[in-house]
Structures are given as C-alpha cells and as structure tokens.
Protein backbone atom coordinates (compact mmCIF):
# COMPACT_ATOMS: atom_id res chain seq x y z
CA MET A 1 108.98 38.33 138.72
CA LYS A 2 109.65 38.64 142.41
CA ASN A 3 106.83 37.61 144.72
CA ASP A 4 106.77 41.06 146.38
CA ARG A 5 105.89 42.65 143.05
CA VAL A 6 103.08 40.17 142.47
CA TYR A 7 101.67 40.82 145.95
CA LYS A 8 101.45 44.54 145.21
CA ILE A 9 99.51 44.08 141.97
CA LEU A 10 96.03 45.50 142.41
CA PHE A 11 93.34 42.85 142.40
CA SER A 12 91.09 45.44 140.75
CA SER A 13 93.50 45.60 137.78
CA VAL A 14 93.60 41.82 137.31
CA TYR A 15 89.90 41.16 137.94
CA PRO A 16 88.78 42.62 134.56
CA MET A 17 91.35 40.37 132.87
CA TYR A 18 89.87 37.35 134.62
CA ILE A 19 86.44 38.38 133.35
CA GLN A 20 87.74 39.01 129.84
CA LYS A 21 89.45 35.62 129.74
CA ALA A 22 86.26 33.88 130.85
CA GLU A 23 83.97 35.84 128.52
CA LYS A 24 86.17 35.08 125.49
CA LYS A 25 85.34 31.43 126.12
CA GLY A 26 81.60 31.95 126.62
CA ARG A 27 81.61 32.18 130.42
CA THR A 28 80.33 35.09 132.49
CA LYS A 29 81.41 37.68 135.04
CA GLU A 30 79.00 36.03 137.46
CA GLU A 31 80.87 32.74 137.11
CA VAL A 32 84.19 34.50 137.78
CA ASP A 33 82.58 35.98 140.89
CA ILE A 34 81.32 32.55 141.98
CA VAL A 35 84.78 30.95 141.83
CA THR A 36 86.41 33.99 143.48
CA LYS A 37 83.90 33.99 146.34
CA TRP A 38 84.13 30.20 146.68
CA LEU A 39 87.90 30.44 147.17
CA THR A 40 87.97 33.48 149.48
CA GLY A 41 84.68 33.43 151.38
CA TYR A 42 83.87 37.00 150.30
CA SER A 43 80.22 38.02 149.90
CA ASP A 44 79.11 40.02 146.85
CA GLU A 45 79.39 43.24 148.86
CA GLN A 46 82.81 42.38 150.29
CA LEU A 47 84.18 41.47 146.85
CA LYS A 48 82.86 44.73 145.42
CA ALA A 49 84.44 46.66 148.32
CA GLN A 50 87.85 45.04 147.70
CA ILE A 51 87.65 46.06 144.04
CA GLU A 52 86.51 49.60 144.84
CA LYS A 53 89.24 50.20 147.41
CA LYS A 54 91.83 48.89 144.95
CA ALA A 55 93.21 46.24 147.27
CA ASP A 56 96.44 44.59 146.20
CA PHE A 57 96.69 40.79 146.20
CA GLN A 58 98.34 40.79 149.62
CA THR A 59 95.44 42.75 151.16
CA PHE A 60 92.82 40.90 149.12
CA PHE A 61 93.87 37.54 150.55
CA ASP A 62 94.80 38.84 154.02
CA GLU A 63 91.28 40.25 154.42
CA ALA A 64 89.49 37.27 152.89
CA PRO A 65 86.99 35.82 155.39
CA LYS A 66 88.34 32.29 154.98
CA LEU A 67 90.07 30.22 152.38
CA ASN A 68 87.81 27.42 151.21
CA PRO A 69 88.81 24.16 152.95
CA ASN A 70 88.73 22.41 149.55
CA ALA A 71 91.28 24.84 148.06
CA SER A 72 94.02 22.25 148.62
CA LYS A 73 92.24 20.08 146.04
CA ILE A 74 93.22 22.63 143.38
CA THR A 75 96.19 21.00 141.70
CA GLY A 76 98.01 21.05 138.42
CA MET A 77 100.16 23.47 136.49
CA ILE A 78 99.65 27.22 136.22
CA CYS A 79 102.19 29.70 134.85
CA GLY A 80 104.77 26.93 134.71
CA TYR A 81 104.45 25.97 138.38
CA ARG A 82 102.80 22.97 140.00
CA ILE A 83 100.32 24.59 142.41
CA GLU A 84 100.59 21.97 145.12
CA GLU A 85 104.37 22.49 145.28
CA ILE A 86 104.30 26.28 145.76
CA GLU A 87 105.74 26.87 149.23
CA ASP A 88 104.76 30.52 149.69
CA PRO A 89 101.17 30.50 151.08
CA LEU A 90 100.16 33.83 149.50
CA MET A 91 101.56 32.93 146.09
CA GLN A 92 99.76 29.61 146.30
CA LYS A 93 96.44 31.41 146.97
CA ILE A 94 97.02 33.73 144.00
CA ARG A 95 97.74 30.72 141.79
CA TYR A 96 94.65 28.95 143.12
CA LEU A 97 92.56 31.84 141.83
CA ASP A 98 94.43 31.88 138.51
CA LYS A 99 93.77 28.15 138.13
CA LEU A 100 90.05 28.47 138.92
CA VAL A 101 89.63 31.17 136.27
CA ASP A 102 91.70 29.11 133.85
CA GLU A 103 89.47 26.06 134.40
CA LEU A 104 86.40 28.25 133.91
CA ALA A 105 87.79 29.53 130.61
CA LYS A 106 88.60 25.99 129.52
CA GLY A 107 84.93 25.07 129.85
CA LYS A 108 85.07 22.84 132.90
CA LYS A 109 81.77 22.26 134.64
CA MET A 110 81.22 24.46 137.69
CA GLU A 111 80.81 21.41 139.97
CA LYS A 112 84.30 20.23 139.01
CA ILE A 113 85.83 23.70 139.37
CA LEU A 114 84.35 24.04 142.87
CA ARG A 115 85.64 20.59 143.82
CA GLU A 116 82.19 19.28 144.77
C-alpha cells in the first residue's frame, strides 16, 4: 500500500479497530486513549474532536500537540517493518501508534508501554 493512501485513512475509522483489538484481549478503550494521548499529546477533548471531525492520519499527526519525546524508544517489528528503520516520519508515527496498541493487546504492563 502506498504511503499516500495510508495517510488519507481516517483515524476515526481505525480507532474503533484499535479499541476492538484491545478489548478482545481484556484491555479497555480508556487504555487505548491513554497510549494515544501519551504518543500525541492530545487531551481528552482534542482526541474526541479529531475523531468527530474525521481527521485522516496526516491531519491527526500534523495537528498533534507534540510527539512524546520517548516515542523513539518504541522499537521492534510491526506489519513486517522494523519501526526504528522507517525513514518516513509520518509513517513512523502511525506505526508507533500501531505498536503501542499491539503491546496493549499483548498484555504488556502500562508502565512498559509508556516507556517509563
């Protein structure tokens, strides 16, 4: 899939899938929100606004208050790619979020997911 197509995917269409993935493994929507806000710097209200306005991934990350300074500590494989080797900054941010939700669904402790 070309990066441009991924960037235009609506965050609001993927967000329920993140929640579903987490809930299938006994985690909660609130935990998905915690990792999303940790990565992006969004508040509850800002995150809700992004979902309601149907922001695509490009807009979602462009308008994020600030990427967490510890985001670079998110490493490993996701969707067949090593996150730390992804050269495109936006694609790397999208994969960071995918990885955080994946770790949540795999039962990792929140402290480890948030790189504390």
